[in-house]
Amino acid sequence: MDIQRETKSKTLKRVLYGGGAVTALVLITYFLSGLERAAPTVDRATLWLDSVKRGELLLERRGPGTLEPEEIRAITARTAGRVEEVILLPGAIVEPNTVILRLSDPDVELAARNAEWDLRSAEATYRDLEVRLETQRLQQRATAAQVQAEYSIQTLTAERDQQLYDEELISNLALRLSITRAEQSATRHEIEQERLRIIDISIQEQLGVQQTQVDQLRARYELALSDLDALNVKADIPGVLQEMEMEVGQSVAPGAVLARVVQPEKLKAELRIPEVQAKDIRVGQRAIVDTRTAEIPGIVTRIDPAAQQGTVTVDVKLLLDQMPDGKLPEGARPQLSVDGTVEITRLPDVLYVGKPAFGQSNSTVGLFKVVDDGEYAVRVNVQLGLGSVNLIEVIQGLDEGEEVILSDMSRWDSVDRVRLR
């Protein structure tokens, strides 16, 4: 059978058709690549938008924290002992003389009795010495009185003999003898008076030495009584028993912490501020502590010099005198979780906007600005200044009244324009 072969003209026609199709495809591709890419659509309801405002910007630093007692009294053991009785449990209201537990120590009890006996013995010795010395002084006073009487008699005798001699009734020798006896009596009188004075001084010295020993033993006895009384462990301050770390039968060493007492009406806030923000905080700055039921004004009193786990501890004194009733709000207690805000400074008459998801202070970021009556949003470079907790200063790139998207738009990093629906 004969097969009809294609002619050369048909083959050429097919080549021309194929080349035209390829050329058309290339032209169409080039044309489409030159067209502007359609803007992706974003649901407005899923975005966080804010308008640029002008006015005063309050710079703040915020951090979580807890309420802590201003004073925590650790109750320690003065002496070694064994826990005999736990009287109160944590949460009990105590006064300074409230006994919270009792210890026992036979050595302390024996030391108190020995100190009492030593004191009584020293006091008896003091009284005995006082009686003996007083007897010696009385004897010396009697001797001095006798010498004084003799001195007076001899003085009068000499005066009498002087008159008799003047009347030539006695001889000169008799007068001289009388005067000599009078002078001798005067000398004895002075000696006895000096001896009496020395005896008085000696008595004071001897009694003073013995009194010192009595005082030492009395102090030792009072210390022993204090150690004995310390076996009845007391709260020392009014407040609430926060911790009780002892059990009946447990042995304790001197200085061991037995319990802790706090004053719940005297609390402070310990805020944990991120270390990158803590550099702006200073002692004396005002603060607000939010307990979830009330906001309490305060003032920064201490900043921890070291950072722990990326935060710096800031102590805030609560200014209860600025509260309506001057008291802590209901429910405020130690270890209560709170939020604190520290006021750094105020910037007057600046542009500011809500803090974007990835906007940091003193940086330039790309934000989507709403345009075309809210139908589209275009990316613009915005220079940011100082930032607060939720607001940040706008230095350049936006004007007052313009609306920007603050949400995370990182999924649209490849485009500069989005459509809002």
Protein backbone atom coordinates (compact mmCIF):
# COMPACT_ATOMS: atom_id res chain seq x y z
CA MET A 1 0.00 0.00 0.00
CA ASP A 2 1.29 3.44 -0.81
CA ILE A 3 1.88 5.93 2.14
CA GLN A 4 1.39 9.56 1.50
CA ARG A 5 4.41 11.57 2.68
CA GLU A 6 4.17 15.12 4.16
CA THR A 7 5.36 17.77 1.95
CA LYS A 8 8.08 20.24 2.87
CA SER A 9 5.58 23.18 3.03
CA LYS A 10 3.54 21.59 5.82
CA THR A 11 6.62 21.00 7.99
CA LEU A 12 7.67 24.61 7.68
CA LYS A 13 4.18 25.75 8.69
CA ARG A 14 4.31 23.70 11.87
CA VAL A 15 7.70 25.14 12.81
CA LEU A 16 6.39 28.64 12.36
CA TYR A 17 3.30 27.94 14.50
CA GLY A 18 5.43 26.47 17.32
CA GLY A 19 7.87 29.38 17.31
CA GLY A 20 5.00 31.85 17.44
CA ALA A 21 3.47 30.07 20.43
CA VAL A 22 6.78 30.13 22.35
CA THR A 23 7.27 33.80 21.54
CA ALA A 24 3.75 34.60 22.72
CA LEU A 25 4.34 32.70 25.99
CA VAL A 26 7.56 34.60 26.65
CA LEU A 27 5.85 37.92 25.98
CA ILE A 28 2.93 37.09 28.27
CA THR A 29 5.31 36.04 31.08
CA TYR A 30 7.32 39.22 30.74
CA PHE A 31 4.17 41.32 30.78
CA LEU A 32 2.78 39.64 33.89
CA SER A 33 6.10 40.02 35.76
CA GLY A 34 5.97 43.74 35.18
CA LEU A 35 2.55 44.05 36.82
CA GLU A 36 2.38 45.17 40.51
CA ARG A 37 1.86 42.31 42.94
CA ALA A 38 -1.61 42.21 44.49
CA ALA A 39 -1.60 43.25 48.20
CA PRO A 40 -2.42 40.40 50.63
CA THR A 41 -5.59 40.78 52.64
CA VAL A 42 -5.51 40.97 56.49
CA ASP A 43 -8.53 40.73 58.78
CA ARG A 44 -8.82 44.05 60.66
CA ALA A 45 -10.47 42.32 63.62
CA THR A 46 -7.26 40.38 64.33
CA LEU A 47 -5.08 43.50 64.44
CA TRP A 48 -4.17 45.86 67.26
CA LEU A 49 -4.33 49.44 65.99
CA ASP A 50 -3.61 52.72 67.71
CA SER A 51 -3.57 56.40 66.81
CA VAL A 52 -0.60 58.72 67.27
CA LYS A 53 -1.29 61.28 69.99
CA ARG A 54 0.45 64.39 71.28
CA GLY A 55 0.71 65.34 74.93
CA GLU A 56 2.45 64.42 78.16
CA LEU A 57 4.03 60.95 78.23
CA LEU A 58 4.48 59.30 81.60
CA LEU A 59 7.49 56.97 81.57
CA GLU A 60 7.01 53.97 83.86
CA ARG A 61 8.64 50.66 84.65
CA ARG A 62 6.50 47.70 85.65
CA GLY A 63 7.21 44.38 87.25
CA PRO A 64 5.55 41.66 89.32
CA GLY A 65 6.33 41.20 92.98
CA THR A 66 5.07 40.19 96.40
CA LEU A 67 4.15 41.88 99.65
CA GLU A 68 6.73 41.21 102.34
CA PRO A 69 6.85 42.22 106.02
CA GLU A 70 9.00 45.24 106.79
CA GLU A 71 10.17 43.49 109.95
CA ILE A 72 10.61 39.76 110.42
CA ARG A 73 11.65 38.74 113.92
CA ALA A 74 13.52 35.45 114.04
CA ILE A 75 12.96 33.84 117.43
CA THR A 76 16.13 31.97 118.40
CA ALA A 77 17.09 29.66 121.26
CA ARG A 78 19.29 31.32 123.90
CA THR A 79 20.42 28.01 125.31
CA ALA A 80 20.47 24.39 124.27
CA GLY A 81 17.37 22.42 125.16
CA ARG A 82 14.62 20.06 124.12
CA VAL A 83 11.18 21.06 122.88
CA GLU A 84 8.66 20.10 125.56
CA GLU A 85 5.52 21.76 124.18
CA VAL A 86 4.49 23.65 121.04
CA ILE A 87 1.82 26.05 122.24
CA LEU A 88 0.96 28.05 119.10
CA LEU A 89 0.92 27.26 115.39
CA PRO A 90 1.55 29.55 112.38
CA GLY A 91 -1.18 32.13 111.90
CA ALA A 92 -1.70 32.79 115.61
CA ILE A 93 -1.83 36.43 116.75
CA VAL A 94 0.85 37.08 119.39
CA GLU A 95 1.98 39.82 121.76
CA PRO A 96 5.56 40.41 122.99
CA ASN A 97 5.04 38.24 126.11
CA THR A 98 3.06 35.48 124.40
CA VAL A 99 4.70 32.09 124.98
CA ILE A 100 4.81 30.15 121.71
CA LEU A 101 6.70 27.04 122.87
CA ARG A 102 8.49 25.63 125.91
CA LEU A 103 11.95 24.10 126.16
CA SER A 104 13.61 22.15 128.95
CA ASP A 105 17.27 21.97 130.00
CA PRO A 106 18.34 20.54 133.40
CA ASP A 107 21.70 22.31 133.19
CA VAL A 108 20.02 25.71 132.94
CA GLU A 109 17.80 24.95 135.95
CA LEU A 110 20.80 23.76 138.00
CA ALA A 111 22.82 26.83 137.03
CA ALA A 112 19.99 29.08 138.23
CA ARG A 113 19.85 27.33 141.61
CA ASN A 114 23.65 27.46 142.05
CA ALA A 115 23.69 31.14 141.15
CA GLU A 116 20.99 31.82 143.74
CA TRP A 117 22.95 30.00 146.48
CA ASP A 118 26.15 31.84 145.61
CA LEU A 119 24.33 35.16 145.79
CA ARG A 120 22.77 34.39 149.16
CA SER A 121 26.16 33.33 150.54
CA ALA A 122 27.81 36.53 149.31
CA GLU A 123 25.02 38.66 150.79
CA ALA A 124 25.44 36.90 154.15
CA THR A 125 29.19 37.49 154.02
CA TYR A 126 28.56 41.16 153.27
CA ARG A 127 26.22 41.54 156.27
CA ASP A 128 28.71 39.77 158.58
CA LEU A 129 31.56 42.00 157.40
CA GLU A 130 29.37 45.06 157.81
CA VAL A 131 28.61 44.14 161.45
CA ARG A 132 32.28 43.45 162.30
CA LEU A 133 33.48 46.67 160.72
CA GLU A 134 30.76 48.67 162.42
CA THR A 135 31.86 47.19 165.77
CA GLN A 136 35.45 48.29 165.10
CA ARG A 137 34.30 51.75 164.23
CA LEU A 138 32.23 52.01 167.44
CA GLN A 139 35.23 50.91 169.47
CA GLN A 140 37.41 53.52 167.82
CA ARG A 141 34.75 56.17 168.35
CA ALA A 142 34.66 55.24 172.06
CA THR A 143 38.44 55.50 172.29
CA ALA A 144 38.43 58.80 170.42
CA ALA A 145 35.70 60.14 172.72
CA GLN A 146 37.70 59.17 175.78
CA VAL A 147 40.83 60.86 174.44
CA GLN A 148 38.79 63.91 173.55
CA ALA A 149 37.47 64.11 177.11
CA GLU A 150 40.97 63.81 178.52
CA TYR A 151 42.15 66.49 176.09
CA SER A 152 39.39 68.80 177.28
CA ILE A 153 40.30 68.18 180.97
CA GLN A 154 44.00 68.80 180.37
CA THR A 155 43.22 71.97 178.45
CA LEU A 156 41.06 73.29 181.28
CA THR A 157 43.71 72.30 183.86
CA ALA A 158 46.36 74.21 181.94
CA GLU A 159 44.13 77.28 181.80
CA ARG A 160 43.49 77.05 185.53
CA ASP A 161 47.21 76.67 186.37
CA GLN A 162 47.96 79.68 184.15
CA GLN A 163 45.60 81.79 186.25
CA LEU A 164 47.13 80.44 189.50
CA TYR A 165 50.60 81.18 188.19
CA ASP A 166 49.56 84.69 187.29
CA GLU A 167 48.43 85.14 190.90
CA GLU A 168 51.74 83.60 192.07
CA LEU A 169 49.94 80.73 193.74
CA ILE A 170 51.84 77.95 191.95
CA SER A 171 55.35 77.63 190.68
CA ASN A 172 56.48 77.96 187.10
CA LEU A 173 57.38 74.26 187.06
CA ALA A 174 53.85 73.22 187.96
CA LEU A 175 52.49 75.44 185.15
CA ARG A 176 54.90 73.96 182.57
CA LEU A 177 53.92 70.41 183.61
CA SER A 178 50.25 71.25 183.19
CA ILE A 179 50.82 72.81 179.74
CA THR A 180 52.89 69.78 178.62
CA ARG A 181 50.10 67.37 179.63
CA ALA A 182 47.60 69.50 177.74
CA GLU A 183 49.78 69.43 174.59
CA GLN A 184 50.19 65.67 174.88
CA SER A 185 46.42 65.24 175.15
CA ALA A 186 45.95 67.44 172.06
CA THR A 187 48.35 65.25 170.08
CA ARG A 188 46.58 62.06 171.17
CA HIS A 189 43.24 63.63 170.28
CA GLU A 190 44.44 64.44 166.74
CA ILE A 191 45.84 60.91 166.32
CA GLU A 192 42.62 59.26 167.46
CA GLN A 193 40.52 61.46 165.19
CA GLU A 194 42.75 60.59 162.23
CA ARG A 195 42.51 56.91 163.14
CA LEU A 196 38.72 57.21 163.23
CA ARG A 197 38.76 58.85 159.77
CA ILE A 198 41.02 56.10 158.39
CA ILE A 199 38.79 53.41 159.87
CA ASP A 200 35.77 54.99 158.14
CA ILE A 201 37.63 54.92 154.80
CA SER A 202 38.76 51.33 155.39
CA ILE A 203 35.21 50.27 156.17
CA GLN A 204 33.94 51.83 152.93
CA GLU A 205 36.68 50.13 150.90
CA GLN A 206 36.13 46.69 152.44
CA LEU A 207 32.39 46.94 152.10
CA GLY A 208 32.81 48.20 148.51
CA VAL A 209 34.91 45.16 147.58
CA GLN A 210 32.37 42.83 149.11
CA GLN A 211 29.50 44.73 147.47
CA THR A 212 31.20 44.34 144.08
CA GLN A 213 31.31 40.59 144.57
CA VAL A 214 27.65 40.61 145.58
CA ASP A 215 26.77 42.64 142.48
CA GLN A 216 28.68 40.23 140.25
CA LEU A 217 26.91 37.24 141.73
CA ARG A 218 23.55 39.04 141.49
CA ALA A 219 24.18 39.75 137.80
CA ARG A 220 25.11 36.11 137.29
CA TYR A 221 21.96 35.06 139.11
CA GLU A 222 19.79 37.41 137.03
CA LEU A 223 21.39 36.05 133.86
CA ALA A 224 20.71 32.50 135.02
CA LEU A 225 17.09 33.47 135.75
CA SER A 226 16.87 35.05 132.30
CA ASP A 227 18.19 31.85 130.72
CA LEU A 228 15.67 29.88 132.74
CA ASP A 229 12.85 32.19 131.66
CA ALA A 230 14.06 31.94 128.04
CA LEU A 231 13.05 28.27 128.08
CA ASN A 232 9.54 29.73 127.76
CA VAL A 233 10.08 31.05 124.24
CA LYS A 234 8.17 34.31 123.65
CA ALA A 235 7.22 36.22 120.52
CA ASP A 236 9.15 39.43 121.48
CA ILE A 237 7.02 41.64 119.17
CA PRO A 238 3.29 41.97 118.46
CA GLY A 239 2.22 40.38 115.20
CA VAL A 240 1.42 37.05 113.61
CA LEU A 241 3.35 33.82 114.00
CA GLN A 242 4.50 33.14 110.45
CA GLU A 243 6.65 30.04 110.85
CA MET A 244 7.08 27.37 113.51
CA GLU A 245 9.98 25.09 112.68
CA MET A 246 10.11 22.97 115.85
CA GLU A 247 8.47 19.70 116.87
CA VAL A 248 7.95 18.21 120.33
CA GLY A 249 10.99 16.22 121.44
CA GLN A 250 13.36 17.95 119.03
CA SER A 251 16.73 19.07 120.43
CA VAL A 252 17.88 22.58 119.67
CA ALA A 253 21.28 24.25 119.86
CA PRO A 254 21.96 27.79 121.09
CA GLY A 255 21.14 30.29 118.35
CA ALA A 256 18.88 27.92 116.41
CA VAL A 257 15.88 29.61 114.77
CA LEU A 258 12.72 28.37 116.44
CA ALA A 259 10.05 30.54 114.81
CA ARG A 260 9.43 33.78 112.91
CA VAL A 261 6.99 36.54 113.79
CA VAL A 262 5.86 39.26 111.36
CA GLN A 263 3.76 42.38 111.67
CA PRO A 264 1.13 42.04 108.91
CA GLU A 265 0.09 45.67 109.12
CA LYS A 266 3.63 46.79 108.22
CA LEU A 267 4.27 45.46 104.73
CA LYS A 268 6.42 46.54 101.80
CA ALA A 269 6.39 45.53 98.15
CA GLU A 270 9.34 43.72 96.60
CA LEU A 271 9.10 44.21 92.84
CA ARG A 272 11.11 42.25 90.26
CA ILE A 273 11.96 44.70 87.48
CA PRO A 274 13.66 43.43 84.28
CA GLU A 275 17.34 44.31 84.50
CA VAL A 276 17.28 46.23 81.20
CA GLN A 277 14.67 48.58 82.68
CA ALA A 278 16.00 48.78 86.23
CA LYS A 279 18.79 51.16 85.18
CA ASP A 280 16.26 54.01 85.08
CA ILE A 281 14.95 53.44 88.63
CA ARG A 282 16.20 55.60 91.51
CA VAL A 283 15.54 55.68 95.25
CA GLY A 284 12.80 58.19 96.04
CA GLN A 285 10.76 57.68 92.84
CA ARG A 286 7.01 57.28 93.27
CA ALA A 287 5.33 53.96 92.60
CA ILE A 288 1.91 52.32 92.51
CA VAL A 289 1.37 48.80 93.88
CA ASP A 290 -1.67 46.94 92.52
CA THR A 291 -3.03 44.24 94.84
CA ARG A 292 -5.88 43.36 92.43
CA THR A 293 -8.32 44.84 94.94
CA ALA A 294 -6.78 48.28 95.35
CA GLU A 295 -3.88 50.44 94.23
CA ILE A 296 -1.52 51.60 96.99
CA PRO A 297 0.83 54.56 96.47
CA GLY A 298 4.43 54.00 97.47
CA ILE A 299 8.01 55.20 97.15
CA VAL A 300 11.18 53.35 96.15
CA THR A 301 13.40 52.82 99.21
CA ARG A 302 15.98 50.27 98.03
CA ILE A 303 17.36 48.80 94.82
CA ASP A 304 19.16 45.48 94.95
CA PRO A 305 22.73 45.97 93.66
CA ALA A 306 22.74 42.54 91.98
CA ALA A 307 20.47 41.02 89.35
CA GLN A 308 19.01 37.55 89.78
CA GLN A 309 17.54 35.54 86.90
CA GLY A 310 17.30 38.62 84.70
CA THR A 311 15.49 40.84 87.24
CA VAL A 312 16.44 43.39 89.89
CA THR A 313 14.59 43.50 93.22
CA VAL A 314 13.19 46.95 94.07
CA ASP A 315 11.73 47.64 97.54
CA VAL A 316 8.73 49.97 97.68
CA LYS A 317 7.49 51.45 100.95
CA LEU A 318 3.69 51.59 101.05
CA LEU A 319 2.35 55.07 101.84
CA LEU A 320 -0.72 54.03 103.80
CA ASP A 321 -1.30 57.59 105.01
CA GLN A 322 -2.39 58.39 101.45
CA MET A 323 -5.03 55.65 101.49
CA PRO A 324 -8.64 56.68 102.23
CA ASP A 325 -8.75 54.85 105.59
CA GLY A 326 -5.00 54.79 106.24
CA LYS A 327 -4.93 50.98 106.24
CA LEU A 328 -3.99 48.15 103.95
CA PRO A 329 -6.79 46.95 101.67
CA GLU A 330 -8.70 43.80 102.55
CA GLY A 331 -6.83 40.64 101.68
CA ALA A 332 -3.36 42.24 101.80
CA ARG A 333 -1.04 39.79 103.54
CA PRO A 334 2.58 38.60 103.35
CA GLN A 335 3.53 36.74 100.14
CA LEU A 336 0.55 38.21 98.24
CA SER A 337 1.34 38.54 94.52
CA VAL A 338 1.14 42.13 93.27
CA ASP A 339 2.07 44.24 90.24
CA GLY A 340 4.10 47.39 90.71
CA THR A 341 4.66 50.42 88.49
CA VAL A 342 7.49 52.87 89.15
CA GLU A 343 7.18 56.40 87.75
CA ILE A 344 10.46 57.38 86.08
CA THR A 345 9.75 60.82 84.59
CA ARG A 346 7.25 62.82 82.51
CA LEU A 347 7.88 64.03 78.94
CA PRO A 348 5.79 67.12 78.12
CA ASP A 349 4.30 67.73 74.65
CA VAL A 350 5.63 64.75 72.67
CA LEU A 351 4.20 62.41 70.04
CA TYR A 352 3.49 58.94 71.37
CA VAL A 353 1.71 55.77 70.42
CA GLY A 354 1.04 52.35 71.88
CA LYS A 355 4.10 50.15 72.20
CA PRO A 356 4.39 47.90 69.12
CA ALA A 357 4.98 44.19 69.46
CA PHE A 358 8.65 44.42 68.43
CA GLY A 359 9.41 48.06 69.13
CA GLN A 360 12.20 48.89 71.57
CA SER A 361 13.19 52.24 72.99
CA ASN A 362 15.59 54.34 70.91
CA SER A 363 15.27 52.20 67.76
CA THR A 364 13.93 52.43 64.21
CA VAL A 365 11.27 49.91 63.22
CA GLY A 366 9.00 49.29 60.27
CA LEU A 367 5.33 49.81 61.08
CA PHE A 368 2.25 49.55 58.87
CA LYS A 369 0.44 52.89 58.65
CA VAL A 370 -3.26 52.84 57.73
CA VAL A 371 -3.97 54.78 54.50
CA ASP A 372 -6.72 55.22 51.89
CA ASP A 373 -9.49 55.69 54.45
CA GLY A 374 -8.56 52.48 56.23
CA GLU A 375 -8.62 50.24 53.18
CA TYR A 376 -4.87 49.66 53.01
CA ALA A 377 -1.80 49.83 55.26
CA VAL A 378 1.72 50.62 54.03
CA ARG A 379 5.04 50.02 55.71
CA VAL A 380 6.89 53.12 56.98
CA ASN A 381 10.11 53.48 58.98
CA VAL A 382 9.43 54.99 62.40
CA GLN A 383 12.10 56.30 64.77
CA LEU A 384 11.12 55.57 68.38
CA GLY A 385 12.38 57.36 71.48
CA LEU A 386 11.87 56.64 75.18
CA GLY A 387 9.36 53.96 76.06
CA SER A 388 7.06 53.35 78.98
CA VAL A 389 5.05 50.29 79.98
CA ASN A 390 2.45 50.47 77.18
CA LEU A 391 3.39 53.68 75.35
CA ILE A 392 6.47 54.85 73.45
CA GLU A 393 7.67 58.20 72.13
CA VAL A 394 7.58 58.82 68.35
CA ILE A 395 10.49 60.94 67.14
CA GLN A 396 10.11 60.66 63.36
CA GLY A 397 8.05 58.85 60.74
CA LEU A 398 4.50 59.48 61.98
CA ASP A 399 2.25 62.48 62.54
CA GLU A 400 -0.42 63.19 65.11
CA GLY A 401 -3.69 61.44 64.34
CA GLU A 402 -2.25 58.79 62.01
CA GLU A 403 -3.24 55.20 62.73
CA VAL A 404 -0.69 52.37 62.81
CA ILE A 405 -0.78 48.62 63.32
CA LEU A 406 0.98 47.55 66.57
CA SER A 407 0.39 43.82 66.16
CA ASP A 408 3.09 41.38 65.09
CA MET A 409 3.27 41.68 61.28
CA SER A 410 6.39 39.57 60.79
CA ARG A 411 4.51 37.16 58.50
CA TRP A 412 4.15 40.06 56.05
CA ASP A 413 7.84 41.01 56.01
CA SER A 414 7.99 40.30 52.27
CA VAL A 415 5.43 42.98 51.38
CA ASP A 416 5.17 46.71 52.00
CA ARG A 417 1.42 46.99 51.54
CA VAL A 418 -1.54 45.02 52.87
CA ARG A 419 -5.27 45.30 52.36
CA LEU A 420 -7.54 45.58 55.41
CA ARG A 421 -10.99 44.07 55.39
